[in-house]
C-alpha atoms as a PDB file:
ATOM      1  CA  MET A   1       0.155  -0.059  -0.049  1.00  0.00           C
ATOM      2  CA  THR A   2       0.970   3.563  -0.580  1.00  0.00           C
ATOM      3  CA  ARG A   3       2.481   5.134   2.564  1.00  0.00           C
ATOM      4  CA  VAL A   4       0.509   7.770   4.194  1.00  0.00           C
ATOM      5  CA  LEU A   5       1.673  10.478   6.976  1.00  0.00           C
ATOM      6  CA  LEU A   6      -1.069  12.399   8.512  1.00  0.00           C
ATOM      7  CA  GLU A   7      -0.216  15.855  10.016  1.00  0.00           C
ATOM      8  CA  PRO A   8      -3.625  17.066  11.506  1.00  0.00           C
ATOM      9  CA  ALA A   9      -4.290  20.663  12.433  1.00  0.00           C
ATOM     10  CA  ARG A  10      -5.286  19.522  15.837  1.00  0.00           C
ATOM     11  CA  ALA A  11      -4.459  15.948  17.438  1.00  0.00           C
ATOM     12  CA  GLY A  12      -7.402  13.835  17.982  1.00  0.00           C
ATOM     13  CA  ARG A  13      -9.713  15.446  15.551  1.00  0.00           C
ATOM     14  CA  SER A  14     -10.176  15.790  11.631  1.00  0.00           C
ATOM     15  CA  ALA A  15     -10.309  19.349  10.168  1.00  0.00           C
ATOM     16  CA  ALA A  16     -12.941  20.760   7.898  1.00  0.00           C
ATOM     17  CA  ARG A  17     -10.268  21.258   5.062  1.00  0.00           C
ATOM     18  CA  ARG A  18      -7.643  18.712   3.924  1.00  0.00           C
ATOM     19  CA  VAL A  19      -4.841  18.793   1.440  1.00  0.00           C
ATOM     20  CA  LEU A  20      -3.405  15.560  -0.280  1.00  0.00           C
ATOM     21  CA  LEU A  21       0.194  16.172  -1.396  1.00  0.00           C
ATOM     22  CA  LEU A  22       2.303  13.764  -3.387  1.00  0.00           C
ATOM     23  CA  PRO A  23       6.042  14.270  -3.418  1.00  0.00           C
ATOM     24  CA  PRO A  24       8.569  14.762  -6.235  1.00  0.00           C
ATOM     25  CA  ALA A  25      10.412  11.765  -7.265  1.00  0.00           C
ATOM     26  CA  TYR A  26      13.119  10.335  -5.102  1.00  0.00           C
ATOM     27  CA  SER A  27      11.324  12.183  -1.948  1.00  0.00           C
ATOM     28  CA  GLN A  28       9.447  11.021   0.910  1.00  0.00           C
ATOM     29  CA  PRO A  29       6.430  12.541   2.956  1.00  0.00           C
ATOM     30  CA  GLU A  30       8.990  13.741   5.621  1.00  0.00           C
ATOM     31  CA  ASP A  31      10.462  16.230   3.098  1.00  0.00           C
ATOM     32  CA  PHE A  32       7.213  18.190   3.138  1.00  0.00           C
ATOM     33  CA  LEU A  33       7.843  18.454   6.946  1.00  0.00           C
ATOM     34  CA  ARG A  34      11.674  19.344   6.441  1.00  0.00           C
ATOM     35  CA  ALA A  35      10.669  21.945   4.079  1.00  0.00           C
ATOM     36  CA  GLY A  36       8.274  23.374   6.628  1.00  0.00           C
ATOM     37  CA  PHE A  37       5.006  22.701   4.953  1.00  0.00           C
ATOM     38  CA  ALA A  38       3.284  21.849   8.032  1.00  0.00           C
ATOM     39  CA  GLU A  39       4.942  24.698   9.883  1.00  0.00           C
ATOM     40  CA  ALA A  40       3.363  27.154   7.534  1.00  0.00           C
ATOM     41  CA  VAL A  41      -0.127  25.762   8.147  1.00  0.00           C
ATOM     42  CA  ARG A  42       0.275  25.897  11.775  1.00  0.00           C
ATOM     43  CA  GLY A  43       1.851  29.359  11.639  1.00  0.00           C
ATOM     44  CA  ARG A  44      -1.397  30.621  10.001  1.00  0.00           C
ATOM     45  CA  GLY A  45      -3.782  29.028  12.504  1.00  0.00           C
ATOM     46  CA  LEU A  46      -5.413  27.243   9.662  1.00  0.00           C
ATOM     47  CA  ASP A  47      -7.682  24.409  10.454  1.00  0.00           C
ATOM     48  CA  VAL A  48      -6.204  22.232   7.629  1.00  0.00           C
ATOM     49  CA  ASP A  49      -5.154  18.597   7.727  1.00  0.00           C
ATOM     50  CA  LEU A  50      -2.074  17.478   5.456  1.00  0.00           C
ATOM     51  CA  VAL A  51      -1.998  13.978   4.028  1.00  0.00           C
ATOM     52  CA  LEU A  52       1.584  13.248   2.951  1.00  0.00           C
ATOM     53  CA  ILE A  53       1.699  10.467   0.403  1.00  0.00           C
ATOM     54  CA  GLU A  54       4.426   8.377  -0.788  1.00  0.00           C
ATOM     55  CA  PRO A  55       3.512   6.136  -3.675  1.00  0.00           C
ATOM     56  CA  ARG A  56       5.401   2.562  -3.771  1.00  0.00           C
ATOM     57  CA  LEU A  57       7.199   2.266  -7.234  1.00  0.00           C
ATOM     58  CA  GLN A  58       5.144  -0.320  -8.193  1.00  0.00           C
ATOM     59  CA  SER A  59       1.996   1.378  -7.332  1.00  0.00           C
ATOM     60  CA  VAL A  60       3.280   4.368  -9.741  1.00  0.00           C
ATOM     61  CA  THR A  61       3.894   2.123 -12.866  1.00  0.00           C
ATOM     62  CA  ASP A  62       0.897  -0.041 -12.884  1.00  0.00           C
ATOM     63  CA  ARG A  63      -0.992   3.456 -11.979  1.00  0.00           C
ATOM     64  CA  GLY A  64      -2.681   1.346  -8.476  1.00  0.00           C
ATOM     65  CA  VAL A  65      -1.596   4.873  -6.872  1.00  0.00           C
ATOM     66  CA  LEU A  66      -4.606   6.521  -8.935  1.00  0.00           C
ATOM     67  CA  THR A  67      -6.920   4.262  -7.156  1.00  0.00           C
ATOM     68  CA  GLU A  68      -5.680   4.923  -3.653  1.00  0.00           C
ATOM     69  CA  LEU A  69      -5.699   8.597  -4.285  1.00  0.00           C
ATOM     70  CA  ALA A  70      -9.684   8.202  -5.126  1.00  0.00           C
ATOM     71  CA  GLN A  71      -9.780   6.222  -2.167  1.00  0.00           C
ATOM     72  CA  LEU A  72      -8.092   8.796   0.027  1.00  0.00           C
ATOM     73  CA  ILE A  73     -10.276  11.577  -1.287  1.00  0.00           C
ATOM     74  CA  GLY A  74     -13.349   9.639  -0.202  1.00  0.00           C
ATOM     75  CA  ALA A  75     -12.118   8.702   3.203  1.00  0.00           C
ATOM     76  CA  ALA A  76     -11.469  12.601   3.884  1.00  0.00           C
ATOM     77  CA  HIS A  77     -15.133  13.119   2.849  1.00  0.00           C
ATOM     78  CA  ALA A  78     -16.122  10.607   5.036  1.00  0.00           C
ATOM     79  CA  ALA A  79     -14.034  11.752   7.907  1.00  0.00           C
ATOM     80  CA  GLY A  80     -16.257  14.756   8.005  1.00  0.00           C
ATOM     81  CA  CYS A  81     -14.158  16.973   5.552  1.00  0.00           C
ATOM     82  CA  ALA A  82     -15.919  19.756   3.587  1.00  0.00           C
ATOM     83  CA  SER A  83     -13.104  20.780   1.401  1.00  0.00           C
ATOM     84  CA  VAL A  84     -10.137  18.646  -0.170  1.00  0.00           C
ATOM     85  CA  TRP A  85      -7.483  19.735  -2.500  1.00  0.00           C
ATOM     86  CA  LEU A  86      -5.000  17.352  -4.100  1.00  0.00           C
ATOM     87  CA  GLY A  87      -1.623  18.650  -5.182  1.00  0.00           C
ATOM     88  CA  GLY A  88       1.975  17.330  -5.661  1.00  0.00           C
ATOM     89  CA  ILE A  89       5.236  18.432  -6.677  1.00  0.00           C
ATOM     90  CA  SER A  90       6.774  17.721  -9.930  1.00  0.00           C
ATOM     91  CA  LEU A  91       6.309  13.922 -10.747  1.00  0.00           C
ATOM     92  CA  GLY A  92       3.716  14.097  -7.750  1.00  0.00           C
ATOM     93  CA  ALA A  93       1.839  16.979  -9.676  1.00  0.00           C
ATOM     94  CA  TYR A  94       1.615  14.817 -12.537  1.00  0.00           C
ATOM     95  CA  LEU A  95      -0.103  11.888 -10.462  1.00  0.00           C
ATOM     96  CA  ALA A  96      -2.511  14.462  -9.092  1.00  0.00           C
ATOM     97  CA  LEU A  97      -3.442  15.594 -12.485  1.00  0.00           C
ATOM     98  CA  ALA A  98      -3.807  11.830 -13.508  1.00  0.00           C
ATOM     99  CA  CYS A  99      -6.029  11.229 -10.683  1.00  0.00           C
ATOM    100  CA  ALA A 100      -8.259  14.252 -11.439  1.00  0.00           C
ATOM    101  CA  GLU A 101      -8.498  13.447 -15.241  1.00  0.00           C
ATOM    102  CA  ARG A 102     -10.034  10.344 -14.303  1.00  0.00           C
ATOM    103  CA  GLN A 103     -12.295  11.742 -11.628  1.00  0.00           C
ATOM    104  CA  THR A 104     -12.844  15.205 -10.227  1.00  0.00           C
ATOM    105  CA  ALA A 105     -15.621  14.342  -7.929  1.00  0.00           C
ATOM    106  CA  GLY A 106     -14.882  15.139  -4.398  1.00  0.00           C
ATOM    107  CA  LEU A 107     -12.051  17.648  -5.236  1.00  0.00           C
ATOM    108  CA  ASP A 108     -12.021  21.232  -4.528  1.00  0.00           C
ATOM    109  CA  GLY A 109      -9.135  22.108  -6.432  1.00  0.00           C
ATOM    110  CA  LEU A 110      -5.778  21.257  -7.551  1.00  0.00           C
ATOM    111  CA  CYS A 111      -2.369  22.683  -6.243  1.00  0.00           C
ATOM    112  CA  LEU A 112       0.593  21.874  -8.748  1.00  0.00           C
ATOM    113  CA  PHE A 113       3.942  22.945  -8.263  1.00  0.00           C
ATOM    114  CA  ALA A 114       6.785  22.666 -10.928  1.00  0.00           C
ATOM    115  CA  PRO A 115       4.826  19.747 -12.341  1.00  0.00           C
ATOM    116  CA  TYR A 116       6.130  17.105 -14.585  1.00  0.00           C
ATOM    117  CA  LEU A 117       4.008  17.454 -18.070  1.00  0.00           C
ATOM    118  CA  GLY A 118       5.236  14.369 -19.852  1.00  0.00           C
ATOM    119  CA  SER A 119       7.496  14.203 -23.059  1.00  0.00           C
ATOM    120  CA  HIS A 120       7.995  16.683 -25.717  1.00  0.00           C
ATOM    121  CA  ILE A 121       5.767  14.694 -28.042  1.00  0.00           C
ATOM    122  CA  VAL A 122       2.496  16.113 -26.682  1.00  0.00           C
ATOM    123  CA  THR A 123       3.751  19.562 -25.684  1.00  0.00           C
ATOM    124  CA  GLY A 124       5.448  19.921 -29.108  1.00  0.00           C
ATOM    125  CA  GLU A 125       2.080  19.302 -30.897  1.00  0.00           C
ATOM    126  CA  ILE A 126       0.151  21.953 -28.744  1.00  0.00           C
ATOM    127  CA  GLU A 127       3.142  24.503 -29.221  1.00  0.00           C
ATOM    128  CA  ARG A 128       2.611  24.104 -33.111  1.00  0.00           C
ATOM    129  CA  ALA A 129      -1.305  24.288 -32.935  1.00  0.00           C
ATOM    130  CA  GLY A 130      -0.645  27.776 -30.850  1.00  0.00           C
ATOM    131  CA  GLY A 131      -1.578  26.834 -27.500  1.00  0.00           C
ATOM    132  CA  VAL A 132      -3.689  24.604 -25.500  1.00  0.00           C
ATOM    133  CA  GLY A 133      -7.217  26.341 -26.773  1.00  0.00           C
ATOM    134  CA  ALA A 134      -6.319  25.877 -30.492  1.00  0.00           C
ATOM    135  CA  TRP A 135      -5.010  22.418 -30.147  1.00  0.00           C
ATOM    136  CA  GLN A 136      -7.390  19.909 -31.410  1.00  0.00           C
ATOM    137  CA  PRO A 137      -5.921  16.490 -30.007  1.00  0.00           C
ATOM    138  CA  GLY A 138      -8.873  14.035 -31.113  1.00  0.00           C
ATOM    139  CA  VAL A 139      -9.807  11.255 -28.889  1.00  0.00           C
ATOM    140  CA  PRO A 140      -6.820   9.637 -27.192  1.00  0.00           C
ATOM    141  CA  GLU A 141      -6.612   6.290 -26.931  1.00  0.00           C
ATOM    142  CA  ALA A 142      -6.909   4.732 -23.186  1.00  0.00           C
ATOM    143  CA  GLY A 143      -3.169   3.896 -22.542  1.00  0.00           C
ATOM    144  CA  ASP A 144      -1.950   7.549 -24.045  1.00  0.00           C
ATOM    145  CA  GLU A 145      -1.711   9.046 -20.293  1.00  0.00           C
ATOM    146  CA  GLU A 146      -0.171  11.996 -21.430  1.00  0.00           C
ATOM    147  CA  ARG A 147      -2.627  13.006 -24.167  1.00  0.00           C
ATOM    148  CA  ARG A 148      -5.350  12.176 -21.632  1.00  0.00           C
ATOM    149  CA  ILE A 149      -3.930  14.837 -19.178  1.00  0.00           C
ATOM    150  CA  TRP A 150      -3.326  17.468 -21.689  1.00  0.00           C
ATOM    151  CA  CYS A 151      -7.235  16.941 -22.946  1.00  0.00           C
ATOM    152  CA  PHE A 152      -8.132  17.409 -19.321  1.00  0.00           C
ATOM    153  CA  ILE A 153      -6.190  20.352 -18.900  1.00  0.00           C
ATOM    154  CA  LYS A 154      -7.895  21.733 -22.273  1.00  0.00           C
ATOM    155  CA  THR A 155     -11.388  21.172 -20.865  1.00  0.00           C
ATOM    156  CA  GLN A 156     -10.634  22.203 -17.313  1.00  0.00           C
ATOM    157  CA  ALA A 157      -8.091  25.004 -17.615  1.00  0.00           C
ATOM    158  CA  ARG A 158     -11.015  27.688 -17.284  1.00  0.00           C
ATOM    159  CA  GLY A 159     -13.386  25.238 -15.925  1.00  0.00           C
ATOM    160  CA  PRO A 160     -14.867  25.246 -12.253  1.00  0.00           C
ATOM    161  CA  LEU A 161     -12.234  23.029 -10.662  1.00  0.00           C
ATOM    162  CA  PRO A 162      -9.514  25.415  -9.477  1.00  0.00           C
ATOM    163  CA  ILE A 163      -6.260  24.614 -10.746  1.00  0.00           C
ATOM    164  CA  HIS A 164      -3.361  26.444  -8.800  1.00  0.00           C
ATOM    165  CA  LEU A 165      -0.114  26.461 -10.556  1.00  0.00           C
ATOM    166  CA  GLY A 166       3.205  27.501  -8.883  1.00  0.00           C
ATOM    167  CA  LEU A 167       6.096  27.834 -10.738  1.00  0.00           C
ATOM    168  CA  GLY A 168      10.241  28.976 -10.079  1.00  0.00           C
ATOM    169  CA  ARG A 169      11.021  31.207 -12.669  1.00  0.00           C
ATOM    170  CA  ASP A 170      14.243  29.528 -13.414  1.00  0.00           C
ATOM    171  CA  ASP A 171      12.865  25.901 -13.268  1.00  0.00           C
ATOM    172  CA  ARG A 172      14.668  23.354 -15.776  1.00  0.00           C
ATOM    173  CA  PHE A 173      11.250  22.496 -17.042  1.00  0.00           C
ATOM    174  CA  SER A 174       9.962  25.920 -17.174  1.00  0.00           C
ATOM    175  CA  ALA A 175       9.425  25.647 -21.192  1.00  0.00           C
ATOM    176  CA  ARG A 176       6.520  23.209 -20.805  1.00  0.00           C
ATOM    177  CA  HIS A 177       5.323  24.908 -17.564  1.00  0.00           C
ATOM    178  CA  ARG A 178       4.697  27.936 -19.624  1.00  0.00           C
ATOM    179  CA  THR A 179       2.670  26.118 -21.912  1.00  0.00           C
ATOM    180  CA  LEU A 180       0.345  24.936 -19.260  1.00  0.00           C
ATOM    181  CA  ALA A 181       0.602  28.523 -17.650  1.00  0.00           C
ATOM    182  CA  ALA A 182      -0.978  30.064 -21.011  1.00  0.00           C
ATOM    183  CA  ALA A 183      -3.795  27.800 -20.620  1.00  0.00           C
ATOM    184  CA  LEU A 184      -4.789  28.859 -17.252  1.00  0.00           C
ATOM    185  CA  THR A 185      -6.173  32.223 -15.967  1.00  0.00           C
ATOM    186  CA  PRO A 186      -3.431  34.830 -14.844  1.00  0.00           C
ATOM    187  CA  GLU A 187      -4.408  34.768 -11.362  1.00  0.00           C
ATOM    188  CA  SER A 188      -4.017  30.596 -11.294  1.00  0.00           C
ATOM    189  CA  VAL A 189      -0.607  31.166 -11.830  1.00  0.00           C
ATOM    190  CA  ASP A 190       2.169  31.856  -9.327  1.00  0.00           C
ATOM    191  CA  VAL A 191       5.712  32.350 -10.477  1.00  0.00           C
ATOM    192  CA  VAL A 192       8.417  33.034  -7.984  1.00  0.00           C
ATOM    193  CA  PRO A 193      12.321  33.339  -8.456  1.00  0.00           C
ATOM    194  CA  GLY A 194      14.155  30.350  -8.413  1.00  0.00           C
ATOM    195  CA  GLY A 195      14.530  26.780  -9.788  1.00  0.00           C
ATOM    196  CA  HIS A 196      13.310  23.200  -9.298  1.00  0.00           C
ATOM    197  CA  GLU A 197      14.016  22.818  -5.483  1.00  0.00           C
ATOM    198  CA  TRP A 198      12.406  22.682  -2.150  1.00  0.00           C
ATOM    199  CA  PRO A 199      12.918  26.493  -0.948  1.00  0.00           C
ATOM    200  CA  VAL A 200      11.205  27.547  -3.903  1.00  0.00           C
ATOM    201  CA  TRP A 201       8.333  25.042  -3.390  1.00  0.00           C
ATOM    202  CA  ARG A 202       8.121  26.013   0.409  1.00  0.00           C
ATOM    203  CA  THR A 203       7.666  29.583  -0.852  1.00  0.00           C
ATOM    204  CA  LEU A 204       4.959  28.836  -3.570  1.00  0.00           C
ATOM    205  CA  TRP A 205       3.214  26.548  -0.654  1.00  0.00           C
ATOM    206  CA  GLU A 206       2.983  29.759   1.480  1.00  0.00           C
ATOM    207  CA  ARG A 207       1.609  31.608  -1.350  1.00  0.00           C
ATOM    208  CA  PHE A 208      -1.004  28.975  -2.061  1.00  0.00           C
ATOM    209  CA  LEU A 209      -2.033  28.907   1.404  1.00  0.00           C
ATOM    210  CA  ASP A 210      -2.502  32.663   1.876  1.00  0.00           C
ATOM    211  CA  ALA A 211      -4.075  32.786  -1.614  1.00  0.00           C
ATOM    212  CA  ARG A 212      -6.492  29.963  -1.709  1.00  0.00           C
ATOM    213  CA  ILE A 213      -6.903  28.486   1.718  1.00  0.00           C
ATOM    214  CA  GLN A 214      -7.233  31.292   4.257  1.00  0.00           C
ATOM    215  CA  ARG A 215      -9.704  32.809   1.665  1.00  0.00           C
ATOM    216  CA  GLN A 216     -11.788  29.907   1.540  1.00  0.00           C
ATOM    217  CA  PRO A 217     -14.558  29.454   4.032  1.00  0.00           C
ATOM    218  CA  ALA A 218     -13.899  26.813   6.376  1.00  0.00           C
END
């Protein structure tokens, strides 16, 4: 099973809101704690539980993690959570997108930091078409996950499900990030100085909490 680390806002009770976070490749849930993600929540006095997730390699390979994520979203609502956000960093953000592409029910938003967005094959098509809005992908095959994710982005980019994109200006994947950012509304994109690294993601996390969570009714 996927390893899960729960960081509750208050011990012994479920908060009204919950954020599920997937780490980048070669990272663990504890890296969120070392980077100060839980500290940032507590420092703001937010009634938000964090669910920090470490997928097993096999579950990522066979995509069993997507079923497990759906179960965690359902469990959050069963515990009384009124609001559930799903997010991640790099590969973790890609898995969050893959989960949401399958089912948006139960989600109040996506929080994506420096997302891995697949190969240049699909993004190259999109760029040559003039952007996500002009891209005409047709119906993707069931096994073409990257194309399905970009089709999801095309339909949801300005839809009812909030997508919060946080980026480091000097991230090594910035070209593909710009393709995604151009599809979203300007207020959905947050760019700060820095590259593909934890200090940048900590800054983006704090800004996400201020922009999205503090302003959201409990």
